[in-house]
Amino acid sequence: MSGAVQVRALRFARSFLGTPYRHQGSRRRVGCDCLGLVRGVWRELYGSEAEEPGAYSADWAERIGEDRLVAAARRHLAALPAEAAEPGDVVLFRWRDGAPAKHCGILDEGGRVIHAYEGAAVVSSPLPQAWKRRIAGHFRFPDIETR
């Protein structure tokens, strides 16, 4: 990992491991969803929320058709080419071509991703080729000194 922010982001993301899934949650050991994991790490890094996401249903991205997750990532994070992504960076996934991104996580070491999904806790899972093909973007948390 090349930057201090990535080291800290990865450490904070790992501290969420085992947190139960809770839709719209973002609290370590209490409950979070995939977006809540990224929001929780953001709060650990910067002390407050980047923005309030507002209420969203479990199928929010498919129902409204907008790519809200990618738009929010571009507002608050630095977009990266895939080859520059490292542990501690955020990764977004879309499940079908042309569909909005609907899942996110934080890259872990060893070709893994830390993420939360319904029916499970926050886990560090292998990032298989099938998931790599569904990546909608890689993003980096901004440097703490420049934020």
C-alpha atoms as a PDB file:
ATOM      1  CA  MET A   1       0.000   0.000   0.000  1.00  0.00           C
ATOM      2  CA  SER A   2       1.364   3.310  -0.995  1.00  0.00           C
ATOM      3  CA  GLY A   3      -0.436   5.813   1.234  1.00  0.00           C
ATOM      4  CA  ALA A   4      -1.222   6.374   4.889  1.00  0.00           C
ATOM      5  CA  VAL A   5      -4.918   6.849   4.129  1.00  0.00           C
ATOM      6  CA  GLN A   6      -5.100   3.387   2.531  1.00  0.00           C
ATOM      7  CA  VAL A   7      -3.352   1.778   5.510  1.00  0.00           C
ATOM      8  CA  ARG A   8      -5.796   3.443   7.897  1.00  0.00           C
ATOM      9  CA  ALA A   9      -8.829   2.679   5.706  1.00  0.00           C
ATOM     10  CA  LEU A  10      -7.895  -0.994   5.556  1.00  0.00           C
ATOM     11  CA  ARG A  11      -7.343  -1.142   9.316  1.00  0.00           C
ATOM     12  CA  PHE A  12     -10.748   0.456   9.949  1.00  0.00           C
ATOM     13  CA  ALA A  13     -12.454  -1.821   7.390  1.00  0.00           C
ATOM     14  CA  ARG A  14     -10.969  -4.888   9.092  1.00  0.00           C
ATOM     15  CA  SER A  15     -12.307  -3.650  12.438  1.00  0.00           C
ATOM     16  CA  PHE A  16     -15.819  -4.106  10.941  1.00  0.00           C
ATOM     17  CA  LEU A  17     -15.251  -7.837  10.255  1.00  0.00           C
ATOM     18  CA  GLY A  18     -17.990  -9.849  11.939  1.00  0.00           C
ATOM     19  CA  THR A  19     -20.385  -6.865  12.176  1.00  0.00           C
ATOM     20  CA  PRO A  20     -23.878  -8.181  11.407  1.00  0.00           C
ATOM     21  CA  TYR A  21     -25.681  -7.100   8.267  1.00  0.00           C
ATOM     22  CA  ARG A  22     -28.204  -4.332   8.882  1.00  0.00           C
ATOM     23  CA  HIS A  23     -29.810  -2.482   5.976  1.00  0.00           C
ATOM     24  CA  GLN A  24     -28.754   1.199   6.084  1.00  0.00           C
ATOM     25  CA  GLY A  25     -26.636   0.581   9.179  1.00  0.00           C
ATOM     26  CA  SER A  26     -23.097   1.951   9.396  1.00  0.00           C
ATOM     27  CA  ARG A  27     -21.932   1.113  12.935  1.00  0.00           C
ATOM     28  CA  ARG A  28     -19.117  -1.283  13.747  1.00  0.00           C
ATOM     29  CA  ARG A  29     -20.247  -4.261  15.836  1.00  0.00           C
ATOM     30  CA  VAL A  30     -23.858  -2.995  15.698  1.00  0.00           C
ATOM     31  CA  GLY A  31     -24.751  -3.485  12.033  1.00  0.00           C
ATOM     32  CA  CYS A  32     -24.075  -2.231   8.520  1.00  0.00           C
ATOM     33  CA  ASP A  33     -24.735  -2.861   4.875  1.00  0.00           C
ATOM     34  CA  CYS A  34     -22.115  -2.500   2.130  1.00  0.00           C
ATOM     35  CA  LEU A  35     -22.563   1.272   1.833  1.00  0.00           C
ATOM     36  CA  GLY A  36     -22.603   1.538   5.623  1.00  0.00           C
ATOM     37  CA  LEU A  37     -19.201  -0.136   5.757  1.00  0.00           C
ATOM     38  CA  VAL A  38     -17.725   2.537   3.482  1.00  0.00           C
ATOM     39  CA  ARG A  39     -19.567   5.265   5.418  1.00  0.00           C
ATOM     40  CA  GLY A  40     -18.258   3.898   8.715  1.00  0.00           C
ATOM     41  CA  VAL A  41     -14.678   3.841   7.437  1.00  0.00           C
ATOM     42  CA  TRP A  42     -15.140   7.409   6.134  1.00  0.00           C
ATOM     43  CA  ARG A  43     -16.274   8.547   9.604  1.00  0.00           C
ATOM     44  CA  GLU A  44     -13.252   6.871  11.202  1.00  0.00           C
ATOM     45  CA  LEU A  45     -10.939   8.636   8.758  1.00  0.00           C
ATOM     46  CA  TYR A  46     -12.499  12.110   8.746  1.00  0.00           C
ATOM     47  CA  GLY A  47     -14.718  12.362  11.840  1.00  0.00           C
ATOM     48  CA  SER A  48     -18.077  12.943  10.114  1.00  0.00           C
ATOM     49  CA  GLU A  49     -20.219  11.757   7.208  1.00  0.00           C
ATOM     50  CA  ALA A  50     -19.349  12.834   3.669  1.00  0.00           C
ATOM     51  CA  GLU A  51     -23.079  13.236   3.003  1.00  0.00           C
ATOM     52  CA  GLU A  52     -26.303  11.758   4.270  1.00  0.00           C
ATOM     53  CA  PRO A  53     -27.457   9.073   1.802  1.00  0.00           C
ATOM     54  CA  GLY A  54     -31.121   9.384   2.756  1.00  0.00           C
ATOM     55  CA  ALA A  55     -33.472   6.440   2.975  1.00  0.00           C
ATOM     56  CA  TYR A  56     -33.059   3.717   0.371  1.00  0.00           C
ATOM     57  CA  SER A  57     -34.695   0.364  -0.105  1.00  0.00           C
ATOM     58  CA  ALA A  58     -32.767  -2.826  -0.660  1.00  0.00           C
ATOM     59  CA  ASP A  59     -33.504  -2.572  -4.401  1.00  0.00           C
ATOM     60  CA  TRP A  60     -32.924   1.214  -4.631  1.00  0.00           C
ATOM     61  CA  ALA A  61     -30.453   1.121  -7.504  1.00  0.00           C
ATOM     62  CA  GLU A  62     -32.468  -1.109  -9.794  1.00  0.00           C
ATOM     63  CA  ARG A  63     -35.757   0.597  -9.078  1.00  0.00           C
ATOM     64  CA  ILE A  64     -34.677   4.160  -9.842  1.00  0.00           C
ATOM     65  CA  GLY A  65     -32.172   3.364 -12.562  1.00  0.00           C
ATOM     66  CA  GLU A  66     -29.723   6.114 -11.596  1.00  0.00           C
ATOM     67  CA  ASP A  67     -26.088   5.279 -10.869  1.00  0.00           C
ATOM     68  CA  ARG A  68     -26.219   6.991  -7.469  1.00  0.00           C
ATOM     69  CA  LEU A  69     -23.391   4.952  -5.948  1.00  0.00           C
ATOM     70  CA  VAL A  70     -20.926   5.843  -8.712  1.00  0.00           C
ATOM     71  CA  ALA A  71     -22.017   9.503  -8.632  1.00  0.00           C
ATOM     72  CA  ALA A  72     -21.450   9.701  -4.858  1.00  0.00           C
ATOM     73  CA  ALA A  73     -18.071   7.975  -5.164  1.00  0.00           C
ATOM     74  CA  ARG A  74     -16.999  10.518  -7.782  1.00  0.00           C
ATOM     75  CA  ARG A  75     -18.079  13.384  -5.503  1.00  0.00           C
ATOM     76  CA  HIS A  76     -16.074  12.206  -2.500  1.00  0.00           C
ATOM     77  CA  LEU A  77     -13.371   9.783  -3.638  1.00  0.00           C
ATOM     78  CA  ALA A  78     -10.642   9.818  -6.269  1.00  0.00           C
ATOM     79  CA  ALA A  79     -11.337   7.554  -9.269  1.00  0.00           C
ATOM     80  CA  LEU A  80      -8.542   5.119 -10.098  1.00  0.00           C
ATOM     81  CA  PRO A  81      -7.622   2.918 -13.027  1.00  0.00           C
ATOM     82  CA  ALA A  82      -8.000  -0.748 -12.080  1.00  0.00           C
ATOM     83  CA  GLU A  83      -4.253  -1.365 -12.208  1.00  0.00           C
ATOM     84  CA  ALA A  84      -3.628   1.364  -9.589  1.00  0.00           C
ATOM     85  CA  ALA A  85      -6.136   0.014  -7.026  1.00  0.00           C
ATOM     86  CA  GLU A  86      -4.610  -1.298  -3.807  1.00  0.00           C
ATOM     87  CA  PRO A  87      -5.780  -2.624  -0.449  1.00  0.00           C
ATOM     88  CA  GLY A  88      -7.682   0.114   1.374  1.00  0.00           C
ATOM     89  CA  ASP A  89      -9.324   1.403  -1.823  1.00  0.00           C
ATOM     90  CA  VAL A  90     -13.072   1.267  -2.485  1.00  0.00           C
ATOM     91  CA  VAL A  91     -14.478  -0.937  -5.230  1.00  0.00           C
ATOM     92  CA  LEU A  92     -18.002  -0.726  -6.695  1.00  0.00           C
ATOM     93  CA  PHE A  93     -19.863  -3.545  -8.448  1.00  0.00           C
ATOM     94  CA  ARG A  94     -22.734  -3.696 -10.937  1.00  0.00           C
ATOM     95  CA  TRP A  95     -24.437  -7.038 -11.432  1.00  0.00           C
ATOM     96  CA  ARG A  96     -25.481  -6.545 -15.062  1.00  0.00           C
ATOM     97  CA  ASP A  97     -24.089  -4.548 -17.961  1.00  0.00           C
ATOM     98  CA  GLY A  98     -25.777  -1.176 -18.098  1.00  0.00           C
ATOM     99  CA  ALA A  99     -27.242  -1.529 -14.602  1.00  0.00           C
ATOM    100  CA  PRO A 100     -26.307   0.885 -11.831  1.00  0.00           C
ATOM    101  CA  ALA A 101     -23.651  -0.105  -9.298  1.00  0.00           C
ATOM    102  CA  LYS A 102     -25.381  -1.735  -6.368  1.00  0.00           C
ATOM    103  CA  HIS A 103     -22.635  -3.160  -4.164  1.00  0.00           C
ATOM    104  CA  CYS A 104     -19.393  -1.856  -2.717  1.00  0.00           C
ATOM    105  CA  GLY A 105     -16.513  -2.921  -0.545  1.00  0.00           C
ATOM    106  CA  ILE A 106     -12.953  -2.151   0.402  1.00  0.00           C
ATOM    107  CA  LEU A 107     -10.077  -4.035  -1.172  1.00  0.00           C
ATOM    108  CA  ASP A 108      -8.199  -6.285   1.242  1.00  0.00           C
ATOM    109  CA  GLU A 109      -4.797  -7.867   0.812  1.00  0.00           C
ATOM    110  CA  GLY A 110      -4.402 -11.208  -0.942  1.00  0.00           C
ATOM    111  CA  GLY A 111      -6.924 -10.549  -3.733  1.00  0.00           C
ATOM    112  CA  ARG A 112      -9.834 -10.190  -1.317  1.00  0.00           C
ATOM    113  CA  VAL A 113     -12.586  -7.639  -0.674  1.00  0.00           C
ATOM    114  CA  ILE A 114     -14.140  -6.633   2.650  1.00  0.00           C
ATOM    115  CA  HIS A 115     -17.888  -6.168   2.242  1.00  0.00           C
ATOM    116  CA  ALA A 116     -21.287  -6.717   3.845  1.00  0.00           C
ATOM    117  CA  TYR A 117     -24.170  -8.501   2.265  1.00  0.00           C
ATOM    118  CA  GLU A 118     -27.629  -9.557   3.350  1.00  0.00           C
ATOM    119  CA  GLY A 119     -27.760 -12.769   5.322  1.00  0.00           C
ATOM    120  CA  ALA A 120     -24.144 -12.527   6.476  1.00  0.00           C
ATOM    121  CA  ALA A 121     -21.804 -10.374   8.489  1.00  0.00           C
ATOM    122  CA  VAL A 122     -19.018  -8.149   7.204  1.00  0.00           C
ATOM    123  CA  VAL A 123     -16.518 -10.579   5.694  1.00  0.00           C
ATOM    124  CA  SER A 124     -13.282 -10.626   3.734  1.00  0.00           C
ATOM    125  CA  SER A 125     -14.032 -12.708   0.648  1.00  0.00           C
ATOM    126  CA  PRO A 126     -11.894 -13.788  -2.292  1.00  0.00           C
ATOM    127  CA  LEU A 127     -12.411 -11.584  -5.341  1.00  0.00           C
ATOM    128  CA  PRO A 128     -12.972 -14.171  -8.085  1.00  0.00           C
ATOM    129  CA  GLN A 129     -12.850 -13.427 -11.797  1.00  0.00           C
ATOM    130  CA  ALA A 130     -16.660 -13.446 -11.995  1.00  0.00           C
ATOM    131  CA  TRP A 131     -16.773 -10.532  -9.527  1.00  0.00           C
ATOM    132  CA  LYS A 132     -13.849  -8.745 -11.161  1.00  0.00           C
ATOM    133  CA  ARG A 133     -15.839  -8.631 -14.410  1.00  0.00           C
ATOM    134  CA  ARG A 134     -18.601  -6.780 -12.550  1.00  0.00           C
ATOM    135  CA  ILE A 135     -16.431  -3.994 -11.157  1.00  0.00           C
ATOM    136  CA  ALA A 136     -17.947  -0.586 -11.902  1.00  0.00           C
ATOM    137  CA  GLY A 137     -15.032   1.439 -10.552  1.00  0.00           C
ATOM    138  CA  HIS A 138     -12.117   1.748  -8.168  1.00  0.00           C
ATOM    139  CA  PHE A 139     -11.808   4.748  -5.865  1.00  0.00           C
ATOM    140  CA  ARG A 140      -9.404   6.026  -3.220  1.00  0.00           C
ATOM    141  CA  PHE A 141     -10.194   7.900  -0.030  1.00  0.00           C
ATOM    142  CA  PRO A 142      -8.734  11.433  -0.166  1.00  0.00           C
ATOM    143  CA  ASP A 143      -5.587  12.189   1.780  1.00  0.00           C
ATOM    144  CA  ILE A 144      -6.490  13.227   5.293  1.00  0.00           C
ATOM    145  CA  GLU A 145      -4.258  16.320   5.123  1.00  0.00           C
ATOM    146  CA  THR A 146      -5.930  17.614   1.931  1.00  0.00           C
ATOM    147  CA  ARG A 147      -9.538  16.926   2.894  1.00  0.00           C
END
